[in-house]
Amino acid sequence: MMKKFTDAGMYEQSHKAGSTWLKVACCTGLVAMSLVGCASKEKVPATSDVAVSKQAVSNATVSGAAEYAPLEVASAQDKLNQANQALAAKDYVKARELANQAQADAQLAQSKASSAKAQAAANALQDNIRVMREELDRSASVNK
């Protein structure tokens, strides 16, 4: 009986050791894969990042951002041009950074344009309300 218990205890010990080894191997593999992923990202062309930024600049321009936020649109366009140059020079890290900055500038410009349009609409509504009140006041004074 004692021997079976010892065998089971030894089985548990070897199983635990195997489990620990497996955990260490998995962790090591994950670290290695993440390092390869980081290293390979520097070598992969940033064409998708630049394309997304180009679309963001286009969307901002179409939304009227050039009128309401011309500095941000110009900055986005400039960074997009620099990103294209970095892409052509195969400096993918710089291209990716500039593309992300261009996208952020374009989104800021689009937000400013939306905000300015909303403010203009609110001002127009306030003017309409003021005119209607004046008409009501005139109408009320005539009917007295």
N, C-alpha and C. Protein backbone atom coordinates (compact mmCIF):
# COMPACT_ATOMS: atom_id res chain seq x y z
N MET A 1 0.82 -1.19 0.00
CA MET A 1 0.00 0.00 0.00
C MET A 1 0.85 1.24 0.00
N MET A 2 1.89 1.19 0.81
CA MET A 2 2.76 2.34 0.95
C MET A 2 3.43 2.65 -0.39
N LYS A 3 3.78 1.62 -1.10
CA LYS A 3 4.47 1.80 -2.36
C LYS A 3 3.57 2.49 -3.39
N LYS A 4 2.30 2.13 -3.45
CA LYS A 4 1.38 2.78 -4.38
C LYS A 4 1.24 4.25 -4.05
N PHE A 5 1.17 4.55 -2.78
CA PHE A 5 1.06 5.94 -2.39
C PHE A 5 2.31 6.70 -2.82
N THR A 6 3.48 6.08 -2.66
CA THR A 6 4.73 6.70 -3.06
C THR A 6 4.76 6.88 -4.57
N ASP A 7 4.31 5.86 -5.30
CA ASP A 7 4.27 5.97 -6.75
C ASP A 7 3.36 7.12 -7.18
N ALA A 8 2.21 7.23 -6.53
CA ALA A 8 1.29 8.31 -6.87
C ALA A 8 1.93 9.65 -6.54
N GLY A 9 2.62 9.71 -5.40
CA GLY A 9 3.31 10.95 -5.02
C GLY A 9 4.38 11.29 -6.02
N MET A 10 5.10 10.30 -6.51
CA MET A 10 6.15 10.54 -7.50
C MET A 10 5.52 10.97 -8.81
N TYR A 11 4.37 10.39 -9.15
CA TYR A 11 3.67 10.77 -10.38
C TYR A 11 3.27 12.24 -10.30
N GLU A 12 2.75 12.62 -9.13
CA GLU A 12 2.36 14.01 -8.96
C GLU A 12 3.56 14.93 -9.10
N GLN A 13 4.68 14.54 -8.53
CA GLN A 13 5.86 15.38 -8.61
C GLN A 13 6.34 15.51 -10.05
N SER A 14 6.39 14.42 -10.79
CA SER A 14 6.86 14.49 -12.17
C SER A 14 5.85 15.26 -13.02
N HIS A 15 4.58 15.11 -12.71
CA HIS A 15 3.55 15.85 -13.44
C HIS A 15 3.69 17.35 -13.18
N LYS A 16 3.95 17.71 -11.93
CA LYS A 16 4.13 19.13 -11.60
C LYS A 16 5.36 19.68 -12.29
N ALA A 17 6.43 18.93 -12.32
CA ALA A 17 7.65 19.39 -12.97
C ALA A 17 7.41 19.57 -14.47
N GLY A 18 6.70 18.64 -15.06
CA GLY A 18 6.38 18.75 -16.48
C GLY A 18 5.49 19.95 -16.76
N SER A 19 4.57 20.20 -15.87
CA SER A 19 3.68 21.34 -16.02
C SER A 19 4.46 22.65 -15.93
N THR A 20 5.40 22.72 -15.01
CA THR A 20 6.22 23.93 -14.86
C THR A 20 7.06 24.13 -16.10
N TRP A 21 7.64 23.05 -16.60
CA TRP A 21 8.46 23.15 -17.81
C TRP A 21 7.62 23.65 -18.97
N LEU A 22 6.40 23.15 -19.07
CA LEU A 22 5.49 23.55 -20.15
C LEU A 22 5.16 25.04 -20.04
N LYS A 23 4.92 25.52 -18.83
CA LYS A 23 4.63 26.94 -18.63
C LYS A 23 5.81 27.81 -19.03
N VAL A 24 7.01 27.39 -18.64
CA VAL A 24 8.22 28.14 -18.99
C VAL A 24 8.40 28.15 -20.51
N ALA A 25 8.19 27.03 -21.15
CA ALA A 25 8.33 26.95 -22.61
C ALA A 25 7.31 27.84 -23.31
N CYS A 26 6.09 27.85 -22.82
CA CYS A 26 5.05 28.69 -23.42
C CYS A 26 5.39 30.18 -23.26
N CYS A 27 5.81 30.55 -22.06
CA CYS A 27 6.17 31.95 -21.82
C CYS A 27 7.34 32.38 -22.69
N THR A 28 8.32 31.52 -22.80
CA THR A 28 9.48 31.82 -23.63
C THR A 28 9.05 31.97 -25.09
N GLY A 29 8.17 31.10 -25.53
CA GLY A 29 7.67 31.18 -26.91
C GLY A 29 6.90 32.46 -27.16
N LEU A 30 6.08 32.86 -26.21
CA LEU A 30 5.31 34.09 -26.36
C LEU A 30 6.22 35.31 -26.42
N VAL A 31 7.23 35.34 -25.57
CA VAL A 31 8.17 36.46 -25.58
C VAL A 31 8.91 36.51 -26.91
N ALA A 32 9.34 35.37 -27.38
CA ALA A 32 10.06 35.32 -28.66
C ALA A 32 9.16 35.77 -29.80
N MET A 33 7.91 35.34 -29.79
CA MET A 33 6.99 35.74 -30.86
C MET A 33 6.71 37.24 -30.82
N SER A 34 6.60 37.81 -29.63
CA SER A 34 6.33 39.25 -29.56
C SER A 34 7.54 40.04 -30.02
N LEU A 35 8.74 39.55 -29.72
CA LEU A 35 9.94 40.23 -30.19
C LEU A 35 10.05 40.15 -31.71
N VAL A 36 9.72 39.03 -32.27
CA VAL A 36 9.74 38.88 -33.73
C VAL A 36 8.69 39.79 -34.34
N GLY A 37 7.53 39.87 -33.71
CA GLY A 37 6.47 40.74 -34.20
C GLY A 37 6.89 42.19 -34.20
N CYS A 38 7.56 42.63 -33.15
CA CYS A 38 8.03 44.01 -33.08
C CYS A 38 9.10 44.27 -34.13
N ALA A 39 10.02 43.34 -34.28
CA ALA A 39 11.10 43.52 -35.23
C ALA A 39 10.57 43.51 -36.67
N SER A 40 9.62 42.64 -36.94
CA SER A 40 9.12 42.55 -38.30
C SER A 40 8.25 43.74 -38.66
N LYS A 41 7.64 44.39 -37.67
CA LYS A 41 6.80 45.56 -37.94
C LYS A 41 7.64 46.69 -38.52
N GLU A 42 8.91 46.76 -38.13
CA GLU A 42 9.80 47.79 -38.65
C GLU A 42 10.14 47.54 -40.11
N LYS A 43 10.03 46.29 -40.54
CA LYS A 43 10.41 45.94 -41.91
C LYS A 43 9.21 45.86 -42.85
N VAL A 44 8.01 45.88 -42.29
CA VAL A 44 6.80 45.79 -43.11
C VAL A 44 6.43 47.19 -43.58
N PRO A 45 6.22 47.36 -44.87
CA PRO A 45 5.83 48.68 -45.37
C PRO A 45 4.56 49.19 -44.68
N ALA A 46 4.53 50.47 -44.43
CA ALA A 46 3.41 51.10 -43.72
C ALA A 46 2.34 51.57 -44.69
N THR A 47 2.16 50.84 -45.78
CA THR A 47 1.22 51.27 -46.81
C THR A 47 -0.21 51.37 -46.28
N SER A 48 -0.62 50.45 -45.42
CA SER A 48 -1.99 50.51 -44.90
C SER A 48 -2.17 51.71 -43.98
N ASP A 49 -1.15 52.02 -43.18
CA ASP A 49 -1.22 53.19 -42.30
C ASP A 49 -1.34 54.47 -43.12
N VAL A 50 -0.56 54.56 -44.18
CA VAL A 50 -0.59 55.74 -45.04
C VAL A 50 -1.93 55.82 -45.76
N ALA A 51 -2.47 54.70 -46.19
CA ALA A 51 -3.76 54.69 -46.88
C ALA A 51 -4.89 55.15 -45.95
N VAL A 52 -4.86 54.68 -44.71
CA VAL A 52 -5.87 55.10 -43.74
C VAL A 52 -5.77 56.60 -43.48
N SER A 53 -4.55 57.10 -43.37
CA SER A 53 -4.35 58.53 -43.15
C SER A 53 -4.81 59.35 -44.35
N LYS A 54 -4.54 58.84 -45.54
CA LYS A 54 -4.99 59.53 -46.75
C LYS A 54 -6.51 59.64 -46.76
N GLN A 55 -7.18 58.58 -46.38
CA GLN A 55 -8.64 58.59 -46.32
C GLN A 55 -9.13 59.57 -45.25
N ALA A 56 -8.45 59.63 -44.12
CA ALA A 56 -8.84 60.56 -43.05
C ALA A 56 -8.70 62.00 -43.51
N VAL A 57 -7.61 62.31 -44.23
CA VAL A 57 -7.40 63.67 -44.75
C VAL A 57 -8.48 63.99 -45.78
N SER A 58 -8.80 63.02 -46.62
CA SER A 58 -9.85 63.21 -47.62
C SER A 58 -11.20 63.46 -46.96
N ASN A 59 -11.53 62.68 -45.94
CA ASN A 59 -12.79 62.85 -45.22
C ASN A 59 -12.87 64.22 -44.57
N ALA A 60 -11.76 64.67 -44.00
CA ALA A 60 -11.74 65.99 -43.35
C ALA A 60 -11.96 67.09 -44.39
N THR A 61 -11.34 66.95 -45.53
CA THR A 61 -11.48 67.96 -46.58
C THR A 61 -12.92 68.01 -47.09
N VAL A 62 -13.52 66.84 -47.31
CA VAL A 62 -14.88 66.76 -47.81
C VAL A 62 -15.87 67.34 -46.78
N SER A 63 -15.56 67.19 -45.50
CA SER A 63 -16.48 67.66 -44.46
C SER A 63 -16.40 69.17 -44.24
N GLY A 64 -15.54 69.85 -45.00
CA GLY A 64 -15.44 71.29 -44.87
C GLY A 64 -14.39 71.75 -43.87
N ALA A 65 -13.53 70.86 -43.47
CA ALA A 65 -12.52 71.20 -42.48
C ALA A 65 -11.53 72.24 -43.00
N ALA A 66 -11.31 72.27 -44.31
CA ALA A 66 -10.37 73.26 -44.87
C ALA A 66 -10.87 74.67 -44.60
N GLU A 67 -12.18 74.84 -44.52
CA GLU A 67 -12.76 76.16 -44.25
C GLU A 67 -12.70 76.48 -42.75
N TYR A 68 -13.01 75.50 -41.91
CA TYR A 68 -13.12 75.74 -40.47
C TYR A 68 -11.84 75.48 -39.68
N ALA A 69 -10.97 74.63 -40.20
CA ALA A 69 -9.73 74.29 -39.50
C ALA A 69 -8.59 74.17 -40.52
N PRO A 70 -8.26 75.26 -41.20
CA PRO A 70 -7.27 75.17 -42.27
C PRO A 70 -5.87 74.78 -41.80
N LEU A 71 -5.48 75.20 -40.60
CA LEU A 71 -4.14 74.84 -40.11
C LEU A 71 -4.01 73.34 -39.87
N GLU A 72 -5.04 72.75 -39.29
CA GLU A 72 -5.00 71.32 -39.01
C GLU A 72 -5.01 70.50 -40.30
N VAL A 73 -5.79 70.95 -41.28
CA VAL A 73 -5.83 70.25 -42.57
C VAL A 73 -4.47 70.35 -43.25
N ALA A 74 -3.87 71.54 -43.22
CA ALA A 74 -2.56 71.73 -43.84
C ALA A 74 -1.51 70.86 -43.14
N SER A 75 -1.58 70.79 -41.81
CA SER A 75 -0.63 69.96 -41.06
C SER A 75 -0.82 68.48 -41.40
N ALA A 76 -2.07 68.05 -41.49
CA ALA A 76 -2.35 66.65 -41.84
C ALA A 76 -1.83 66.33 -43.23
N GLN A 77 -2.06 67.24 -44.18
CA GLN A 77 -1.61 67.02 -45.55
C GLN A 77 -0.08 66.98 -45.62
N ASP A 78 0.57 67.88 -44.88
CA ASP A 78 2.03 67.92 -44.86
C ASP A 78 2.60 66.62 -44.28
N LYS A 79 2.03 66.17 -43.18
CA LYS A 79 2.51 64.92 -42.55
C LYS A 79 2.24 63.71 -43.45
N LEU A 80 1.13 63.75 -44.16
CA LEU A 80 0.83 62.67 -45.10
C LEU A 80 1.86 62.64 -46.22
N ASN A 81 2.22 63.82 -46.73
CA ASN A 81 3.26 63.89 -47.77
C ASN A 81 4.60 63.37 -47.24
N GLN A 82 4.96 63.75 -46.02
CA GLN A 82 6.20 63.26 -45.42
C GLN A 82 6.14 61.75 -45.21
N ALA A 83 4.99 61.24 -44.84
CA ALA A 83 4.84 59.79 -44.65
C ALA A 83 5.04 59.06 -45.98
N ASN A 84 4.51 59.62 -47.05
CA ASN A 84 4.71 59.02 -48.38
C ASN A 84 6.18 59.04 -48.76
N GLN A 85 6.88 60.13 -48.44
CA GLN A 85 8.31 60.20 -48.73
C GLN A 85 9.08 59.18 -47.91
N ALA A 86 8.73 59.04 -46.63
CA ALA A 86 9.40 58.05 -45.78
C ALA A 86 9.11 56.63 -46.28
N LEU A 87 7.91 56.41 -46.75
CA LEU A 87 7.55 55.10 -47.30
C LEU A 87 8.38 54.80 -48.53
N ALA A 88 8.55 55.80 -49.39
CA ALA A 88 9.36 55.62 -50.60
C ALA A 88 10.82 55.36 -50.25
N ALA A 89 11.28 55.97 -49.14
CA ALA A 89 12.66 55.77 -48.69
C ALA A 89 12.82 54.50 -47.85
N LYS A 90 11.72 53.75 -47.70
CA LYS A 90 11.69 52.50 -46.93
C LYS A 90 12.00 52.71 -45.45
N ASP A 91 11.69 53.90 -44.95
CA ASP A 91 11.80 54.17 -43.51
C ASP A 91 10.40 53.96 -42.94
N TYR A 92 10.06 52.70 -42.71
CA TYR A 92 8.71 52.32 -42.37
C TYR A 92 8.29 52.80 -40.99
N VAL A 93 9.22 52.87 -40.06
CA VAL A 93 8.88 53.35 -38.72
C VAL A 93 8.47 54.82 -38.80
N LYS A 94 9.26 55.62 -39.49
CA LYS A 94 8.95 57.04 -39.64
C LYS A 94 7.65 57.22 -40.43
N ALA A 95 7.48 56.44 -41.47
CA ALA A 95 6.26 56.53 -42.28
C ALA A 95 5.03 56.23 -41.43
N ARG A 96 5.12 55.20 -40.59
CA ARG A 96 4.00 54.83 -39.73
C ARG A 96 3.69 55.94 -38.73
N GLU A 97 4.74 56.50 -38.11
CA GLU A 97 4.55 57.60 -37.15
C GLU A 97 3.89 58.80 -37.80
N LEU A 98 4.42 59.21 -38.95
CA LEU A 98 3.87 60.37 -39.64
C LEU A 98 2.44 60.12 -40.12
N ALA A 99 2.17 58.91 -40.56
CA ALA A 99 0.82 58.57 -41.00
C ALA A 99 -0.16 58.67 -39.83
N ASN A 100 0.25 58.18 -38.67
CA ASN A 100 -0.61 58.26 -37.49
C ASN A 100 -0.83 59.70 -37.06
N GLN A 101 0.22 60.52 -37.14
CA GLN A 101 0.08 61.94 -36.81
C GLN A 101 -0.83 62.65 -37.81
N ALA A 102 -0.69 62.32 -39.07
CA ALA A 102 -1.55 62.92 -40.10
C ALA A 102 -3.01 62.55 -39.85
N GLN A 103 -3.24 61.31 -39.48
CA GLN A 103 -4.60 60.86 -39.20
C GLN A 103 -5.17 61.62 -38.01
N ALA A 104 -4.37 61.80 -36.96
CA ALA A 104 -4.84 62.53 -35.78
C ALA A 104 -5.16 63.98 -36.13
N ASP A 105 -4.30 64.61 -36.93
CA ASP A 105 -4.55 66.00 -37.34
C ASP A 105 -5.82 66.10 -38.17
N ALA A 106 -6.02 65.15 -39.06
CA ALA A 106 -7.21 65.16 -39.91
C ALA A 106 -8.48 64.97 -39.07
N GLN A 107 -8.42 64.08 -38.11
CA GLN A 107 -9.58 63.86 -37.24
C GLN A 107 -9.87 65.10 -36.39
N LEU A 108 -8.82 65.77 -35.93
CA LEU A 108 -9.00 67.01 -35.18
C LEU A 108 -9.65 68.07 -36.07
N ALA A 109 -9.18 68.20 -37.29
CA ALA A 109 -9.75 69.17 -38.22
C ALA A 109 -11.22 68.87 -38.49
N GLN A 110 -11.52 67.60 -38.68
CA GLN A 110 -12.91 67.21 -38.93
C GLN A 110 -13.78 67.50 -37.71
N SER A 111 -13.27 67.27 -36.53
CA SER A 111 -14.03 67.56 -35.31
C SER A 111 -14.26 69.06 -35.16
N LYS A 112 -13.23 69.85 -35.44
CA LYS A 112 -13.39 71.30 -35.36
C LYS A 112 -14.42 71.79 -36.37
N ALA A 113 -14.39 71.22 -37.56
CA ALA A 113 -15.36 71.61 -38.58
C ALA A 113 -16.78 71.25 -38.14
N SER A 114 -16.96 70.07 -37.60
CA SER A 114 -18.28 69.65 -37.12
C SER A 114 -18.76 70.56 -36.00
N SER A 115 -17.86 70.89 -35.10
CA SER A 115 -18.20 71.77 -33.99
C SER A 115 -18.59 73.16 -34.50
N ALA A 116 -17.83 73.70 -35.43
CA ALA A 116 -18.12 75.02 -35.98
C ALA A 116 -19.46 75.02 -36.72
N LYS A 117 -19.74 73.94 -37.45
CA LYS A 117 -21.03 73.85 -38.14
C LYS A 117 -22.19 73.77 -37.15
N ALA A 118 -22.00 73.02 -36.10
CA ALA A 118 -23.04 72.90 -35.07
C ALA A 118 -23.27 74.25 -34.39
N GLN A 119 -22.19 74.96 -34.12
CA GLN A 119 -22.31 76.28 -33.50
C GLN A 119 -23.03 77.25 -34.44
N ALA A 120 -22.72 77.21 -35.71
CA ALA A 120 -23.40 78.07 -36.69
C ALA A 120 -24.89 77.73 -36.76
N ALA A 121 -25.22 76.46 -36.72
CA ALA A 121 -26.63 76.05 -36.74
C ALA A 121 -27.35 76.51 -35.48
N ALA A 122 -26.69 76.41 -34.34
CA ALA A 122 -27.29 76.87 -33.08
C ALA A 122 -27.50 78.38 -33.11
N ASN A 123 -26.53 79.11 -33.64
CA ASN A 123 -26.67 80.57 -33.76
C ASN A 123 -27.83 80.94 -34.68
N ALA A 124 -27.97 80.23 -35.79
CA ALA A 124 -29.08 80.49 -36.72
C ALA A 124 -30.41 80.20 -36.05
N LEU A 125 -30.47 79.13 -35.28
CA LEU A 125 -31.70 78.79 -34.57
C LEU A 125 -32.05 79.86 -33.55
N GLN A 126 -31.05 80.35 -32.82
CA GLN A 126 -31.27 81.43 -31.85
C GLN A 126 -31.79 82.68 -32.55
N ASP A 127 -31.23 82.99 -33.71
CA ASP A 127 -31.71 84.15 -34.47
C ASP A 127 -33.17 83.96 -34.89
N ASN A 128 -33.50 82.77 -35.35
CA ASN A 128 -34.89 82.48 -35.75
C ASN A 128 -35.85 82.63 -34.56
N ILE A 129 -35.43 82.15 -33.41
CA ILE A 129 -36.25 82.26 -32.20
C ILE A 129 -36.44 83.73 -31.83
N ARG A 130 -35.37 84.52 -31.92
CA ARG A 130 -35.44 85.94 -31.61
C ARG A 130 -36.42 86.65 -32.56
N VAL A 131 -36.33 86.36 -33.86
CA VAL A 131 -37.23 86.96 -34.83
C VAL A 131 -38.68 86.57 -34.55
N MET A 132 -38.93 85.31 -34.22
CA MET A 132 -40.29 84.86 -33.92
C MET A 132 -40.84 85.55 -32.68
N ARG A 133 -40.01 85.74 -31.67
CA ARG A 133 -40.46 86.44 -30.46
C ARG A 133 -40.82 87.89 -30.78
N GLU A 134 -39.99 88.52 -31.59
CA GLU A 134 -40.29 89.91 -31.98
C GLU A 134 -41.61 89.99 -32.73
N GLU A 135 -41.84 89.02 -33.62
CA GLU A 135 -43.11 88.98 -34.35
C GLU A 135 -44.29 88.76 -33.41
N LEU A 136 -44.12 87.85 -32.44
CA LEU A 136 -45.19 87.61 -31.46
C LEU A 136 -45.46 88.85 -30.63
N ASP A 137 -44.39 89.54 -30.22
CA ASP A 137 -44.55 90.77 -29.43
C ASP A 137 -45.29 91.83 -30.25
N ARG A 138 -44.93 92.00 -31.52
CA ARG A 138 -45.61 92.95 -32.38
C ARG A 138 -47.07 92.59 -32.58
N SER A 139 -47.29 91.31 -32.80
CA SER A 139 -48.66 90.82 -33.01
C SER A 139 -49.50 91.06 -31.75
N ALA A 140 -48.91 90.80 -30.59
CA ALA A 140 -49.63 90.98 -29.32
C ALA A 140 -49.93 92.45 -29.08
N SER A 141 -49.01 93.35 -29.43
CA SER A 141 -49.23 94.79 -29.20
C SER A 141 -50.26 95.34 -30.17
N VAL A 142 -50.38 94.80 -31.37
CA VAL A 142 -51.36 95.24 -32.35
C VAL A 142 -52.75 94.78 -31.93
N ASN A 143 -52.87 93.60 -31.36
CA ASN A 143 -54.16 93.04 -30.96
C ASN A 143 -54.69 93.63 -29.66
N LYS A 144 -53.92 94.45 -28.97
CA LYS A 144 -54.39 95.04 -27.71
C LYS A 144 -55.32 96.15 -27.92
